[in-house]
Structure formats: C-alpha cells, structure tokens
Protein backbone atom coordinates (compact mmCIF):
# COMPACT_ATOMS: atom_id res chain seq x y z
CA UNK A 1 18.44 35.38 29.37
CA UNK A 2 15.36 35.34 31.91
CA UNK A 3 15.65 32.30 34.02
CA UNK A 4 13.48 32.13 37.04
CA UNK A 5 15.77 33.61 40.47
CA UNK A 6 15.14 30.53 42.07
CA UNK A 7 16.40 28.17 39.45
CA UNK A 8 20.21 27.78 40.36
CA UNK A 9 18.97 28.19 43.95
CA UNK A 10 16.84 24.80 43.40
CA UNK A 11 19.60 22.90 41.36
CA UNK A 12 22.01 23.53 44.10
CA UNK A 13 19.19 22.53 46.70
CA UNK A 14 18.54 19.10 44.96
CA UNK A 15 22.43 18.21 44.46
CA UNK A 16 23.62 19.39 48.08
CA UNK A 17 20.38 19.14 50.78
CA UNK A 18 18.26 16.51 51.92
CA UNK A 19 14.62 17.43 53.02
CA UNK A 20 12.67 15.61 55.92
CA UNK A 21 9.08 14.37 54.42
CA UNK A 22 7.70 15.05 57.73
CA UNK A 23 7.72 18.80 57.12
CA UNK A 24 4.94 18.96 54.73
CA UNK A 25 2.98 15.95 56.00
CA UNK A 26 3.92 13.29 53.25
CA UNK A 27 3.40 9.60 53.90
CA UNK A 28 5.07 7.34 52.06
CA UNK A 29 6.15 9.83 49.18
CA UNK A 30 9.09 7.37 47.48
CA UNK A 31 11.04 4.43 48.10
CA UNK A 32 13.14 2.25 46.73
CA UNK A 33 12.62 -1.50 44.93
CA UNK A 34 15.58 -4.09 45.23
CA UNK A 35 17.19 -2.90 42.01
CA UNK A 36 18.10 0.73 44.11
CA UNK A 37 15.39 2.55 41.77
CA UNK A 38 13.14 5.13 42.78
CA UNK A 39 9.77 4.54 43.31
CA UNK A 40 7.19 7.28 43.36
CA UNK A 41 3.48 6.28 45.64
CA UNK A 42 0.83 8.62 45.35
CA UNK A 43 1.00 11.04 48.29
CA UNK A 44 -1.49 11.24 51.17
CA UNK A 45 -2.12 14.10 53.47
CA UNK A 46 -0.29 16.64 51.45
CA UNK A 47 -2.18 20.22 52.01
CA UNK A 48 -1.92 21.96 48.30
CA UNK A 49 -3.85 24.72 49.35
CA UNK A 50 -0.88 27.07 50.23
CA UNK A 51 0.35 26.10 46.83
CA UNK A 52 -3.02 26.80 44.91
CA UNK A 53 -3.35 29.96 46.75
CA UNK A 54 0.01 31.20 45.82
CA UNK A 55 -0.54 30.32 42.19
CA UNK A 56 -3.88 32.61 41.89
CA UNK A 57 -1.75 35.33 43.73
CA UNK A 58 0.88 35.09 41.32
CA UNK A 59 -2.12 35.21 38.36
CA UNK A 60 -3.59 38.26 39.56
CA UNK A 61 -0.37 40.46 39.69
CA UNK A 62 0.43 39.13 36.29
CA UNK A 63 -2.61 40.41 34.98
CA UNK A 64 -2.74 43.14 36.86
CA UNK A 65 1.06 43.91 35.02
CA UNK A 66 -0.32 43.03 31.78
CA UNK A 67 -3.44 45.65 32.81
CA UNK A 68 -1.03 48.36 33.85
CA UNK A 69 1.39 47.80 30.65
CA UNK A 70 -1.28 47.87 28.23
CA UNK A 71 -2.93 50.96 29.90
CA UNK A 72 0.89 52.75 29.19
CA UNK A 73 0.54 51.66 25.47
CA UNK A 74 -3.01 53.14 25.59
CA UNK A 75 -1.49 56.48 26.42
CA UNK A 76 1.25 56.31 23.96
CA UNK A 77 -0.92 55.59 21.23
CA UNK A 78 -3.62 58.47 22.27
CA UNK A 79 -0.72 60.67 22.09
CA UNK A 80 0.64 59.54 18.62
CA UNK A 81 -2.84 60.18 17.49
CA UNK A 82 -2.86 63.58 19.29
CA UNK A 83 0.48 64.49 17.20
CA UNK A 84 1.18 61.77 14.60
CA UNK A 85 5.04 62.20 13.52
CA UNK A 86 7.72 59.53 13.49
CA UNK A 87 8.88 59.89 17.19
CA UNK A 88 5.19 59.50 18.51
CA UNK A 89 4.75 56.92 16.04
CA UNK A 90 7.91 54.84 17.38
CA UNK A 91 7.19 55.28 21.17
CA UNK A 92 3.10 53.69 20.47
CA UNK A 93 5.58 50.65 18.58
CA UNK A 94 7.64 50.45 21.61
CA UNK A 95 4.73 50.86 24.05
CA UNK A 96 3.10 47.67 22.71
CA UNK A 97 6.75 45.72 22.20
CA UNK A 98 6.75 46.49 26.00
CA UNK A 99 2.87 45.72 27.27
CA UNK A 100 3.17 42.26 25.10
CA UNK A 101 5.44 40.93 27.34
CA UNK A 102 3.68 40.90 30.90
CA UNK A 103 0.69 39.40 28.91
CA UNK A 104 2.64 36.64 27.13
CA UNK A 105 3.41 35.42 30.45
CA UNK A 106 -0.18 35.06 31.32
CA UNK A 107 -0.65 32.63 28.34
CA UNK A 108 0.50 29.99 31.22
CA UNK A 109 -3.24 30.56 32.42
CA UNK A 110 -4.75 29.49 29.73
CA UNK A 111 -6.42 25.83 28.81
CA UNK A 112 -8.81 25.12 31.71
CA UNK A 113 -11.73 27.13 31.22
CA UNK A 114 -10.66 29.97 33.67
CA UNK A 115 -11.77 33.67 32.87
CA UNK A 116 -9.64 33.65 29.92
CA UNK A 117 -11.16 30.91 28.26
CA UNK A 118 -14.36 29.90 29.53
CA UNK A 119 -17.40 28.71 27.55
CA UNK A 120 -20.92 29.31 29.04
CA UNK A 121 -22.66 26.04 28.21
CA UNK A 122 -26.23 27.56 28.14
CA UNK A 123 -25.35 31.12 26.55
CA UNK A 124 -22.07 30.13 24.48
CA UNK A 125 -20.52 33.17 25.66
CA UNK A 126 -16.72 32.76 25.59
CA UNK A 127 -13.82 34.11 27.49
CA UNK A 128 -12.25 37.17 26.03
CA UNK A 129 -9.30 35.37 24.85
CA UNK A 130 -10.20 35.37 21.35
CA UNK A 131 -10.62 39.21 21.52
CA UNK A 132 -6.91 39.48 22.77
CA UNK A 133 -4.95 37.24 21.45
CA UNK A 134 -6.48 35.83 18.07
CA UNK A 135 -3.91 34.75 15.67
CA UNK A 136 -3.07 33.98 12.37
CA UNK A 137 -5.11 37.13 10.94
CA UNK A 138 -5.95 38.08 7.36
CA UNK A 139 -5.05 41.68 7.80
CA UNK A 140 -6.86 42.75 4.36
CA UNK A 141 -10.35 41.96 6.89
CA UNK A 142 -9.30 45.15 8.66
CA UNK A 143 -7.20 47.51 6.53
CA UNK A 144 -5.56 47.62 2.79
CA UNK A 145 -2.94 45.62 1.77
CA UNK A 146 -0.42 45.35 -0.91
CA UNK A 147 -2.26 45.85 -4.39
CA UNK A 148 -5.74 45.91 -2.29
CA UNK A 149 -5.66 49.64 -1.31
CA UNK A 150 -9.37 49.53 -0.87
CA UNK A 151 -9.35 46.32 1.35
CA UNK A 152 -10.76 46.02 5.11
CA UNK A 153 -13.66 47.36 7.43
CA UNK A 154 -11.41 50.38 7.66
CA UNK A 155 -11.85 51.43 3.90
CA UNK A 156 -15.15 50.11 3.39
CA UNK A 157 -17.64 53.79 3.79
CA UNK A 158 -20.77 51.05 4.55
CA UNK A 159 -19.36 49.80 7.84
CA UNK A 160 -19.59 51.96 10.83
CA UNK A 161 -16.57 52.36 12.81
CA UNK A 162 -17.83 51.39 16.59
CA UNK A 163 -16.83 48.72 18.99
CA UNK A 164 -19.98 46.68 18.69
CA UNK A 165 -19.98 46.55 14.60
CA UNK A 166 -16.17 45.76 15.07
CA UNK A 167 -16.45 42.57 17.62
CA UNK A 168 -19.82 41.64 15.66
CA UNK A 169 -17.45 40.98 12.96
CA UNK A 170 -14.91 39.48 14.94
CA UNK A 171 -13.95 35.99 12.85
CA UNK A 172 -17.28 35.45 11.82
CA UNK A 173 -17.25 33.30 8.38
CA UNK A 174 -13.46 32.84 8.94
CA UNK A 175 -11.31 32.55 12.35
CA UNK A 176 -8.47 34.30 10.39
CA UNK A 177 -10.92 37.64 10.04
CA UNK A 178 -9.61 38.85 12.88
CA UNK A 179 -10.70 42.66 14.02
CA UNK A 180 -9.40 43.00 18.08
CA UNK A 181 -6.77 42.24 20.11
CA UNK A 182 -3.01 42.56 20.25
CA UNK A 183 -2.69 41.94 16.46
CA UNK A 184 -4.69 43.97 15.01
CA UNK A 185 -3.28 46.80 16.80
CA UNK A 186 0.08 45.47 15.79
CA UNK A 187 -0.70 45.53 12.18
CA UNK A 188 -2.29 48.76 12.51
CA UNK A 189 1.19 50.29 13.99
CA UNK A 190 3.43 48.52 11.76
CA UNK A 191 1.37 47.23 8.78
CA UNK A 192 2.26 44.32 6.40
CA UNK A 193 5.80 43.20 6.96
CA UNK A 194 7.76 43.21 3.84
CA UNK A 195 11.21 44.35 4.77
CA UNK A 196 13.75 41.52 5.46
CA UNK A 197 15.71 43.32 7.74
CA UNK A 198 12.90 44.03 10.09
CA UNK A 199 9.66 45.18 10.82
CA UNK A 200 6.69 46.48 8.78
CA UNK A 201 7.02 50.22 7.42
CA UNK A 202 3.19 51.65 7.72
CA UNK A 203 4.07 55.89 7.84
CA UNK A 204 3.10 57.61 10.39
CA UNK A 205 0.97 59.32 7.53
CA UNK A 206 -1.60 57.06 7.79
CA UNK A 207 -2.96 58.59 10.82
CA UNK A 208 -2.69 62.28 9.94
CA UNK A 209 -6.30 63.79 10.32
CA UNK A 210 -8.45 64.64 7.47
CA UNK A 211 -6.95 62.87 4.79
CA UNK A 212 -8.40 59.67 2.63
CA UNK A 213 -9.97 57.17 5.36
CA UNK A 214 -7.12 57.88 8.18
CA UNK A 215 -9.99 59.43 10.54
CA UNK A 216 -11.66 56.25 10.26
CA UNK A 217 -8.51 54.52 10.93
CA UNK A 218 -7.68 56.42 13.71
CA UNK A 219 -11.03 55.75 15.46
CA UNK A 220 -10.04 51.90 14.57
CA UNK A 221 -7.03 52.08 16.27
CA UNK A 222 -8.26 53.70 19.25
CA UNK A 223 -11.46 51.49 19.57
CA UNK A 224 -9.65 48.07 19.65
CA UNK A 225 -6.79 49.88 21.96
CA UNK A 226 -9.68 50.66 24.49
CA UNK A 227 -11.39 47.09 24.24
CA UNK A 228 -8.03 45.26 24.94
CA UNK A 229 -7.29 47.56 28.16
CA UNK A 230 -11.18 46.61 29.09
CA UNK A 231 -10.49 42.79 28.66
CA UNK A 232 -7.24 42.52 30.45
CA UNK A 233 -9.39 45.06 33.10
CA UNK A 234 -12.06 42.42 33.68
CA UNK A 235 -9.12 39.43 33.82
CA UNK A 236 -7.67 41.27 36.64
CA UNK A 237 -10.94 41.82 38.51
CA UNK A 238 -11.70 37.89 38.39
CA UNK A 239 -8.54 37.14 39.85
CA UNK A 240 -8.54 40.03 42.74
CA UNK A 241 -7.96 38.77 46.40
CA UNK A 242 -10.41 38.70 49.02
CA UNK A 243 -13.46 39.52 46.42
CA UNK A 244 -16.46 37.72 45.38
CA UNK A 245 -15.08 36.56 41.80
CA UNK A 246 -13.88 33.53 39.93
CA UNK A 247 -10.53 33.55 42.40
CA UNK A 248 -12.83 33.06 44.94
CA UNK A 249 -14.21 29.75 43.46
CA UNK A 250 -10.75 28.69 42.36
CA UNK A 251 -9.68 28.31 46.08
CA UNK A 252 -12.96 26.85 47.15
CA UNK A 253 -12.42 23.62 44.50
CA UNK A 254 -10.65 20.69 45.04
CA UNK A 255 -7.19 21.39 45.26
CA UNK A 256 -5.83 18.25 43.82
CA UNK A 257 -8.46 18.70 40.75
CA UNK A 258 -7.38 22.29 40.92
CA UNK A 259 -3.61 21.34 40.59
CA UNK A 260 -4.19 19.27 37.87
CA UNK A 261 -5.71 21.83 35.58
CA UNK A 262 -2.84 24.07 36.60
CA UNK A 263 -0.30 21.87 35.21
CA UNK A 264 -2.09 20.86 32.24
CA UNK A 265 -2.48 24.05 31.19
CA UNK A 266 1.64 24.37 31.32
CA UNK A 267 1.75 21.05 29.86
CA UNK A 268 -0.32 22.12 26.70
CA UNK A 269 0.91 25.62 26.50
CA UNK A 270 4.97 23.66 26.18
CA UNK A 271 3.86 20.67 23.97
CA UNK A 272 0.77 21.90 21.96
CA UNK A 273 0.19 25.47 21.81
CA UNK A 274 4.27 26.61 21.52
CA UNK A 275 6.14 23.68 19.95
CA UNK A 276 3.15 22.42 17.57
CA UNK A 277 0.60 25.67 16.77
CA UNK A 278 3.44 28.25 16.96
CA UNK A 279 6.54 26.65 15.81
CA UNK A 280 6.14 23.39 14.16
CA UNK A 281 3.54 24.76 11.41
CA UNK A 282 5.18 27.90 11.05
CA UNK A 283 8.65 25.55 10.32
CA UNK A 284 6.61 23.04 8.11
CA UNK A 285 4.76 26.02 6.02
CA UNK A 286 7.87 28.31 5.92
CA UNK A 287 5.07 31.00 5.66
CA UNK A 288 5.52 34.76 7.57
CA UNK A 289 1.57 34.71 7.93
CA UNK A 290 2.27 31.93 10.24
CA UNK A 291 4.29 33.68 12.36
CA UNK A 292 2.92 34.61 15.40
CA UNK A 293 3.67 38.50 15.71
CA UNK A 294 4.77 39.23 12.26
CA UNK A 295 3.96 42.77 11.63
CA UNK A 296 6.47 44.03 14.36
CA UNK A 297 8.91 40.88 14.06
CA UNK A 298 8.88 40.48 17.54
CA UNK A 299 8.06 36.81 17.70
CA UNK A 300 10.97 35.76 19.41
CA UNK A 301 10.08 37.52 22.29
CA UNK A 302 6.49 35.58 22.25
CA UNK A 303 8.52 32.45 22.85
CA UNK A 304 10.71 33.89 25.28
CA UNK A 305 8.24 35.34 27.51
CA UNK A 306 5.70 32.46 26.83
CA UNK A 307 8.45 30.21 28.69
CA UNK A 308 9.14 32.41 31.39
CA UNK A 309 5.23 32.36 32.38
CA UNK A 310 5.36 28.92 32.70
CA UNK A 311 8.56 28.79 35.04
CA UNK A 312 6.75 31.48 37.39
CA UNK A 313 4.10 29.33 38.15
CA UNK A 314 6.41 26.05 38.91
CA UNK A 315 8.70 28.38 40.90
CA UNK A 316 5.66 30.62 42.31
CA UNK A 317 7.47 34.02 41.71
CA UNK A 318 6.45 36.88 39.36
CA UNK A 319 8.22 40.15 39.02
CA UNK A 320 9.79 39.95 42.59
CA UNK A 321 6.76 38.74 44.28
CA UNK A 322 7.98 35.10 45.67
CA UNK A 323 6.05 32.68 47.22
CA UNK A 324 5.35 28.90 47.94
CA UNK A 325 6.50 27.12 44.29
CA UNK A 326 5.74 24.06 43.76
CA UNK A 327 9.10 23.46 43.34
CA UNK A 328 9.22 23.61 47.57
CA UNK A 329 6.81 20.67 46.99
CA UNK A 330 8.06 18.57 44.65
CA UNK A 331 11.97 18.81 46.20
CA UNK A 332 10.38 17.42 49.64
CA UNK A 333 7.91 14.68 47.71
CA UNK A 334 9.87 13.46 44.73
CA UNK A 335 13.41 15.09 44.39
CA UNK A 336 14.24 13.33 41.21
CA UNK A 337 10.83 14.54 39.31
CA UNK A 338 11.33 18.10 40.61
CA UNK A 339 15.47 17.92 39.20
CA UNK A 340 14.02 16.98 35.94
CA UNK A 341 11.12 19.64 35.61
CA UNK A 342 13.50 22.02 36.92
CA UNK A 343 16.32 20.94 34.53
CA UNK A 344 13.11 20.98 31.52
CA UNK A 345 12.38 24.56 32.30
CA UNK A 346 16.26 25.45 32.14
CA UNK A 347 16.46 24.04 28.78
CA UNK A 348 13.30 25.59 27.58
CA UNK A 349 14.18 29.07 28.73
CA UNK A 350 17.73 28.80 27.35
CA UNK A 351 17.15 27.35 24.32
CA UNK A 352 14.42 29.88 23.25
CA UNK A 353 16.52 33.22 23.83
CA UNK A 354 18.89 31.45 21.24
CA UNK A 355 16.36 31.37 18.56
CA UNK A 356 17.67 33.60 15.65
CA UNK A 357 15.89 37.18 15.37
CA UNK A 358 13.79 37.92 13.23
CA UNK A 359 11.76 34.79 12.89
CA UNK A 360 11.01 35.35 9.52
CA UNK A 361 14.02 35.01 8.33
CA UNK A 362 14.35 31.90 10.24
CA UNK A 363 11.39 31.10 8.33
CA UNK A 364 12.82 31.59 4.94
CA UNK A 365 15.88 29.42 5.35
CA UNK A 366 16.71 26.47 4.03
CA UNK A 367 15.77 22.94 5.36
CA UNK A 368 18.24 21.60 7.65
CA UNK A 369 20.09 25.40 8.44
CA UNK A 370 21.47 26.27 11.85
CA UNK A 371 18.63 28.82 12.58
CA UNK A 372 15.94 25.99 11.86
CA UNK A 373 17.73 23.67 14.10
CA UNK A 374 17.74 26.25 16.71
CA UNK A 375 13.79 26.27 16.74
CA UNK A 376 13.81 22.55 16.46
CA UNK A 377 15.89 22.20 19.55
CA UNK A 378 12.86 24.45 21.37
CA UNK A 379 10.42 22.18 20.08
CA UNK A 380 11.88 19.12 21.72
CA UNK A 381 12.86 20.40 25.05
CA UNK A 382 9.10 21.77 25.43
CA UNK A 383 7.74 18.23 24.22
CA UNK A 384 9.65 16.85 26.93
CA UNK A 385 8.77 19.53 29.62
CA UNK A 386 5.18 18.58 29.03
CA UNK A 387 5.93 15.22 29.09
CA UNK A 388 7.76 15.81 32.69
CA UNK A 389 4.69 17.86 33.68
CA UNK A 390 2.80 14.66 32.98
CA UNK A 391 4.60 12.98 35.32
CA UNK A 392 3.32 14.90 38.30
CA UNK A 393 -0.15 13.72 38.02
CA UNK A 394 0.36 10.38 39.59
CA UNK A 395 2.46 11.99 42.27
CA UNK A 396 0.31 14.78 43.07
CA UNK A 397 -2.60 12.20 43.16
CA UNK A 398 -4.11 14.06 40.29
CA UNK A 399 -4.32 13.81 36.47
CA UNK A 400 -2.32 16.31 33.91
CA UNK A 401 -2.79 16.30 30.24
CA UNK A 402 -1.69 17.67 27.22
CA UNK A 403 -4.54 18.95 25.18
CA UNK A 404 -4.87 19.06 21.92
CA UNK A 405 -7.78 21.86 20.39
C-alpha cells in the first residue's frame, strides 16, 4: 500500500499540535458560534503563490518521470522487435506496466484545459490526452481479433502504416476506434484477454519479421510508441521551469482561480472519472470491455496510482520530492477540514489497495459478491473525497466543482 509519506505525520500533527494563524497571514480563518461548532470564514490575505508554485513543480517532476519511463519502455519494445522471443516479449510487457505507474499519477492534472486536455477555440486543436490514454477501445479497428483474422488497419493492405495515417484515423467515426496511446500499445503487446487466470496471451510470433502481416504490426507498434513518448515529452516541456511555456502563464494567473482549477481537477478525477466512469460503469455492465486496462489485467494499478496522484497534489510531494503541500495551509486555516481530507485520502488509498485482482474476475462475480463490495467501497470513498475537496472552495475563496463530461 502506497500512502503519501506525510499522511501519518499530518494526522499526528492534527491531533497533537496547535498552530498560530499569523504564520500564514490568515485573518479570521475560523471562529466558533454559540453552540461551539467551528465556523469557517473565507480567508483573506493568504498568499497562495508558494503552494501553486510547488504544485507546478510536482506536475513537472511527474511528467518528467512519465516521459522517462515511457522512453525506457520504448527501448524494451525496440529490443523485443530486434529479437522477438518469449523473454524479450515479457520484458516489453513489464516495461509497459512499469511506465504506466508514473503516467497514472499525472491524471490528477487533467480537467482544467491545461496542456494535457486543452481545446483551442479558434482552431479546434486539442491537447494530446485523447492520443495518450483514450479508452475504451475497439481493438478490432487496429488488428485481428477472435474470429476476425483480417480485421484492423494492420491487416488492411490499402492502409499505409504511417503515423500521419494512424492519427488521421483515430476516433473519427466512433470514439472507441482508438489507434494510438497506452491502450493501443497494450493491445499489441498482449492481445485480447480470454484468460480467466491472467492477461491476454498474444504470442511473440506475431512480431517475427517477414511473416504474414507481421512487418506491418511491427511498424505500427514502433510508430505509436514513438508518438506516446513524443506526446509525453511535449507535456514535460510545457511544465518545465524557467521557460516560456504553459507553466509560466499558469504561475502568472490569479492564485485563487488557479487553486480552484487544481482542486476541481482532483474532485473530478475522484468522483466522476474514477468513481463513475471507470468503476461504476464497469460494475453495472459486468463487461470486461469496460475495464480500463483489460488486455494486461492491470486495472488494479490504474486505481491505486490514480489515487496516489491525487494525494501527491494535496501533500505537495512526488517520488521523494517534498514541497509546500496544501495540507500545511489547511492545517492552519481549517484543521477540521484538513483532517477530513487527509482521512478521505487515506481511506481511498487503503480501499483501492484492497480491490481483488484481476479486475475482470470482479466484474464476472455475482451481484452482492465480496469482490464487488470492495469496489463499491472505493466508489463511496472517492465520492466522499470529491465532496470534501468541494468544501475547500469557500475556505480558500474560490470555486471547486465536480465536472461531468
């Protein structure tokens, strides 16, 4: 179980310590009414800039790590294609699983039209999120599937395998016709999953040169992997410090509005994207196609590292780096709410770590099963967490919402 390194310390401080509000320049942060209940008043004269700056640094470090890990995956995939065998195939799969862990934590930076998911009102251009992590996907649009040996772009001799053509055909007539990103690579490495005991069983022989359409498959895998690394490099560059990029504009914005965006992202990832789209939809349908990482059977880590990414933002840390977390600010402005959010984050991370694996077997279990109950507990924890983030809005003098796409 991966809990933020400051969770235990924060809880201890909340229980044992009292802090003077003057250290952050807070005026009338709270008082008690005649019934003794604590009443929160919108803070004034609070400098949010250091916390916004630390957030930007966490974002940069996380995207830098995601790009580095994806590049390492690319090296493993190249080695596999250079010498296709069971060992090199497994190494490429392992590299995909490892690289996903850092990227999943970056999903806490979505939902406010940053570099990952902006939409240009004039040109209609969109950020790379759809190319990077679109899901669910119709795997038959890319390659052969059961009982359809000639399906997919790879097996269509009229389709030119080039990155331009691949992206031109991405989600054109159907959102499920995904051609790029993590899950396209995942499908090419694992194939469809008909294995009750584990992930898909695609053979390395699908990538032996000069056989059937293998050369086209090899080229396709190479190109979409290169594109993923390129898109992650773009995101890393946009958050790089001391450069003329999105980060520079982000830090010049109104701090209160910016903090509203930061926590709207966390609330939306919690209560909408994770709780509703990725968990409840799958539970209701019971369909493996609604499972986020169905080919590799790694949906469990999707939930665990998404939750970790949310905690990273609140506590201001990432992979050994520790800066000014929002927990420090809230511990002084509104200790009760800080304790509530800290407890919510702990509950979410702990409950997510208890979900059974593989997730497709949870979906296959009967209604009311213990396995489903574990996921439903995470859904409840995420919804409560999203609502707790919304409570930050009045405290920080901003607006925090749960967005539904």
